[in-house]
């Protein structure tokens, strides 16, 4: 059972379309795997749409009577000067709905991902990002996405059976969404759909028995804290 979910603030921001691409992918993929969050997101999206189309009365009440008169005066002058009526929102929506139905229907079917002769199924949100090559280092393989977000790095990360990431902490935040397989660290065991966010307060060394596929987002390099892996810290900016 999924135990780790996005915070409510992330779901609200996603419903309102204000998350950066890297995080929007993560929330969408999690919701594809988690029925509870999918239902919450559907409700939040409906609320956001209703708010956009029908601003509530509380917002209208913020305008003073004087401002309303001033706005009406400006609109009247503009209409008289241009002799162009303001388009009715119902007429606009009716016109939009009268357009022919789209024939290119989005395909929301899960996708097949192959790495090292292993096949995994991932949510359709990754469809536009899977053409990039895998970078392989031992038991760890990475497919870097192009999200164009300054220092943020978003990737698919595959760990072979009996593989692990050396013990490390984080200079920024690290989001890991487990897509397939399982892994564990000193904080617990994880299943597909788990949405794990760690920062500089956390140390861990993820290990997998049978292999796993994750989606990861980092905004700063990892900082390795044990063994020979510490030699990688000086070039952390190049490899994260």
Protein backbone atom coordinates (compact mmCIF):
# COMPACT_ATOMS: atom_id res chain seq x y z
CA UNK A 1 0.00 0.00 0.00
CA UNK A 2 1.25 3.50 -0.86
CA UNK A 3 2.28 5.31 2.32
CA UNK A 4 3.94 8.46 1.00
CA UNK A 5 1.89 11.08 -0.85
CA UNK A 6 2.36 14.66 -2.11
CA UNK A 7 1.47 17.38 0.37
CA UNK A 8 -1.92 19.01 -0.14
CA UNK A 9 -0.21 22.24 -1.26
CA UNK A 10 1.37 20.38 -4.17
CA UNK A 11 -1.97 18.95 -5.29
CA UNK A 12 -3.59 22.39 -5.11
CA UNK A 13 -0.75 23.98 -7.09
CA UNK A 14 -0.94 21.22 -9.69
CA UNK A 15 -4.70 21.67 -10.04
CA UNK A 16 -4.12 25.37 -10.66
CA UNK A 17 -1.39 24.71 -13.21
CA UNK A 18 1.41 26.54 -11.40
CA UNK A 19 3.92 23.75 -10.71
CA UNK A 20 7.19 23.61 -12.66
CA UNK A 21 7.33 20.84 -15.24
CA UNK A 22 9.57 18.53 -13.19
CA UNK A 23 7.20 18.55 -10.21
CA UNK A 24 4.06 18.48 -12.37
CA UNK A 25 5.30 15.26 -13.96
CA UNK A 26 5.87 13.77 -10.51
CA UNK A 27 2.42 14.68 -9.19
CA UNK A 28 0.69 13.48 -12.37
CA UNK A 29 2.56 10.17 -12.31
CA UNK A 30 1.82 9.65 -8.62
CA UNK A 31 -1.88 10.30 -9.18
CA UNK A 32 -1.89 7.76 -12.01
CA UNK A 33 -0.70 5.20 -9.45
CA UNK A 34 -2.65 6.40 -6.40
CA UNK A 35 -6.45 6.34 -6.48
CA UNK A 36 -6.76 8.46 -3.33
CA UNK A 37 -4.70 11.35 -4.69
CA UNK A 38 -6.25 10.97 -8.14
CA UNK A 39 -9.68 11.57 -6.66
CA UNK A 40 -8.44 14.53 -4.62
CA UNK A 41 -6.79 16.06 -7.69
CA UNK A 42 -9.97 15.64 -9.77
CA UNK A 43 -11.95 17.50 -7.11
CA UNK A 44 -9.32 20.25 -6.79
CA UNK A 45 -9.16 20.63 -10.58
CA UNK A 46 -12.95 20.97 -10.76
CA UNK A 47 -12.83 23.61 -8.02
CA UNK A 48 -10.08 25.51 -9.83
CA UNK A 49 -12.06 25.43 -13.08
CA UNK A 50 -15.23 26.63 -11.37
CA UNK A 51 -13.30 29.42 -9.67
CA UNK A 52 -11.84 30.54 -12.99
CA UNK A 53 -15.19 30.52 -14.80
CA UNK A 54 -17.33 31.75 -11.90
CA UNK A 55 -15.45 34.06 -9.52
CA UNK A 56 -17.09 33.75 -6.11
CA UNK A 57 -19.10 36.45 -4.43
CA UNK A 58 -16.39 37.10 -1.88
CA UNK A 59 -14.11 38.38 -4.60
CA UNK A 60 -16.81 40.66 -5.95
CA UNK A 61 -17.50 42.05 -2.51
CA UNK A 62 -13.92 43.34 -2.33
CA UNK A 63 -14.82 46.04 -4.85
CA UNK A 64 -16.27 49.18 -3.35
CA UNK A 65 -19.41 50.82 -4.65
CA UNK A 66 -17.32 53.70 -5.95
CA UNK A 67 -15.06 51.36 -7.92
CA UNK A 68 -18.11 49.67 -9.46
CA UNK A 69 -19.50 53.00 -10.61
CA UNK A 70 -16.13 54.01 -12.02
CA UNK A 71 -15.79 50.71 -13.92
CA UNK A 72 -19.30 50.99 -15.32
CA UNK A 73 -18.55 54.53 -16.47
CA UNK A 74 -15.37 53.42 -18.22
CA UNK A 75 -17.16 50.51 -19.92
CA UNK A 76 -19.99 52.77 -21.06
CA UNK A 77 -17.56 55.24 -22.58
CA UNK A 78 -15.64 52.47 -24.30
CA UNK A 79 -18.80 50.88 -25.74
CA UNK A 80 -20.07 54.24 -26.98
CA UNK A 81 -16.72 55.08 -28.57
CA UNK A 82 -16.28 51.76 -30.36
CA UNK A 83 -19.92 50.75 -30.77
CA UNK A 84 -18.78 47.14 -30.17
CA UNK A 85 -20.81 45.20 -27.57
CA UNK A 86 -19.05 43.14 -24.92
CA UNK A 87 -19.21 39.44 -25.84
CA UNK A 88 -21.52 37.42 -23.64
CA UNK A 89 -19.68 34.57 -21.91
CA UNK A 90 -22.51 32.10 -22.62
CA UNK A 91 -22.40 32.95 -26.31
CA UNK A 92 -18.62 32.52 -26.30
CA UNK A 93 -18.87 29.08 -24.68
CA UNK A 94 -21.65 28.06 -27.07
CA UNK A 95 -19.46 29.05 -30.00
CA UNK A 96 -16.56 27.01 -28.65
CA UNK A 97 -18.75 23.96 -28.04
CA UNK A 98 -20.11 24.18 -31.58
CA UNK A 99 -16.65 23.55 -33.04
CA UNK A 100 -15.99 20.08 -34.55
CA UNK A 101 -14.79 17.46 -32.08
CA UNK A 102 -11.06 16.86 -32.01
CA UNK A 103 -10.01 13.72 -33.84
CA UNK A 104 -6.59 13.49 -32.20
CA UNK A 105 -7.59 12.11 -28.81
CA UNK A 106 -4.77 12.03 -26.21
CA UNK A 107 -3.54 8.52 -25.48
CA UNK A 108 -3.50 7.94 -21.74
CA UNK A 109 -2.46 4.31 -21.93
CA UNK A 110 0.56 3.31 -19.81
CA UNK A 111 3.91 3.15 -21.58
CA UNK A 112 6.55 0.44 -21.84
CA UNK A 113 10.09 1.38 -20.81
CA UNK A 114 13.03 -0.91 -21.45
CA UNK A 115 16.42 -0.72 -19.76
CA UNK A 116 19.01 -3.51 -19.62
CA UNK A 117 16.55 -6.08 -21.03
CA UNK A 118 14.08 -5.20 -18.28
CA UNK A 119 10.59 -3.97 -19.20
CA UNK A 120 8.57 -1.63 -16.99
CA UNK A 121 5.19 0.05 -17.34
CA UNK A 122 5.02 3.77 -16.52
CA UNK A 123 2.22 6.39 -16.59
CA UNK A 124 1.46 8.19 -19.85
CA UNK A 125 2.71 11.54 -18.49
CA UNK A 126 6.22 10.40 -19.49
CA UNK A 127 5.26 10.02 -23.16
CA UNK A 128 7.06 13.16 -24.37
CA UNK A 129 10.28 12.43 -22.45
CA UNK A 130 11.33 8.88 -23.28
CA UNK A 131 13.34 9.46 -26.46
CA UNK A 132 16.53 10.35 -24.61
CA UNK A 133 19.37 7.82 -24.12
CA UNK A 134 20.18 5.92 -20.95
CA UNK A 135 23.43 6.76 -19.17
CA UNK A 136 24.79 3.65 -17.43
CA UNK A 137 27.21 3.48 -14.51
CA UNK A 138 27.47 0.00 -13.03
CA UNK A 139 24.12 -1.07 -11.59
CA UNK A 140 22.64 2.42 -11.95
CA UNK A 141 21.13 3.77 -15.19
CA UNK A 142 19.71 7.25 -15.72
CA UNK A 143 17.63 8.92 -18.43
CA UNK A 144 17.86 12.69 -18.00
CA UNK A 145 14.82 14.76 -19.02
CA UNK A 146 15.02 18.21 -20.56
CA UNK A 147 12.85 20.32 -18.19
CA UNK A 148 14.76 23.62 -18.62
CA UNK A 149 14.52 24.65 -14.95
CA UNK A 150 17.88 26.18 -14.08
CA UNK A 151 19.56 23.85 -11.53
CA UNK A 152 16.75 21.31 -11.32
CA UNK A 153 17.47 17.83 -12.71
CA UNK A 154 14.68 15.39 -13.54
CA UNK A 155 15.41 11.79 -14.55
CA UNK A 156 14.25 8.23 -14.75
CA UNK A 157 16.57 6.21 -12.49
CA UNK A 158 16.94 2.45 -12.73
CA UNK A 159 18.80 0.32 -10.18
CA UNK A 160 19.64 -3.29 -11.03
CA UNK A 161 18.80 -6.17 -8.73
CA UNK A 162 21.02 -6.15 -5.62
CA UNK A 163 22.04 -2.59 -6.40
CA UNK A 164 22.22 0.44 -4.14
CA UNK A 165 23.02 4.15 -4.12
CA UNK A 166 25.91 4.95 -1.73
CA UNK A 167 24.99 6.65 1.53
CA UNK A 168 24.37 10.34 1.03
CA UNK A 169 22.55 13.42 2.18
CA UNK A 170 21.22 16.31 0.09
CA UNK A 171 22.39 19.86 -0.53
CA UNK A 172 18.87 20.74 -1.68
CA UNK A 173 15.77 18.58 -1.99
CA UNK A 174 15.44 15.15 -3.55
CA UNK A 175 12.10 13.83 -4.77
CA UNK A 176 11.85 10.13 -5.56
CA UNK A 177 8.69 8.63 -7.04
CA UNK A 178 8.90 4.85 -7.17
CA UNK A 179 7.36 3.67 -10.44
CA UNK A 180 8.09 -0.06 -10.42
CA UNK A 181 9.82 -2.61 -8.25
CA UNK A 182 10.76 -1.90 -4.64
CA UNK A 183 13.59 -0.43 -2.59
CA UNK A 184 14.34 0.26 1.04
CA UNK A 185 16.50 2.51 3.19
CA UNK A 186 16.87 3.22 6.89
CA UNK A 187 13.53 5.06 6.78
CA UNK A 188 11.52 2.09 5.56
CA UNK A 189 10.37 0.03 2.58
CA UNK A 190 8.79 1.58 -0.51
CA UNK A 191 6.27 0.39 -3.10
CA UNK A 192 5.24 1.76 -6.51
CA UNK A 193 3.49 5.11 -6.10
CA UNK A 194 5.41 6.20 -2.99
CA UNK A 195 6.28 9.91 -3.28
CA UNK A 196 9.33 10.57 -1.10
CA UNK A 197 10.79 14.05 -0.51
CA UNK A 198 14.07 14.36 1.42
CA UNK A 199 16.42 17.24 2.21
CA UNK A 200 19.63 18.00 4.12
CA UNK A 201 18.10 16.63 7.32
CA UNK A 202 18.08 13.10 5.89
CA UNK A 203 20.80 10.50 5.26
CA UNK A 204 20.05 7.29 3.40
CA UNK A 205 21.38 4.57 1.11
CA UNK A 206 18.59 3.14 -1.06
CA UNK A 207 18.91 -0.59 -1.78
CA UNK A 208 16.85 -2.88 -4.00
CA UNK A 209 16.67 -6.67 -4.01
CA UNK A 210 14.96 -7.27 -7.35
CA UNK A 211 15.59 -3.92 -9.08
CA UNK A 212 13.47 -0.78 -9.36
CA UNK A 213 12.59 2.16 -11.59
CA UNK A 214 12.11 5.64 -10.15
CA UNK A 215 11.46 9.19 -11.28
CA UNK A 216 13.75 11.61 -9.45
CA UNK A 217 13.98 15.39 -9.15
CA UNK A 218 16.92 17.18 -7.51
CA UNK A 219 17.74 20.88 -7.28
CA UNK A 220 21.30 20.40 -5.98
CA UNK A 221 23.96 17.64 -5.98
CA UNK A 222 23.92 14.73 -3.57
CA UNK A 223 26.58 14.80 -0.86
CA UNK A 224 28.09 11.34 -0.31
CA UNK A 225 29.00 10.63 3.30
CA UNK A 226 30.64 7.21 3.41
CA UNK A 227 33.45 5.24 1.79
CA UNK A 228 35.04 5.81 -1.59
CA UNK A 229 31.89 7.50 -2.90
CA UNK A 230 32.98 10.65 -1.03
CA UNK A 231 35.57 11.10 -3.78
CA UNK A 232 32.67 12.04 -6.07
CA UNK A 233 31.68 15.10 -4.01
CA UNK A 234 34.10 17.55 -5.72
CA UNK A 235 32.49 16.78 -9.08
CA UNK A 236 28.95 16.58 -7.76
CA UNK A 237 27.81 19.50 -9.93
CA UNK A 238 28.73 17.49 -13.03
CA UNK A 239 27.05 14.19 -12.19
CA UNK A 240 23.79 14.94 -10.38
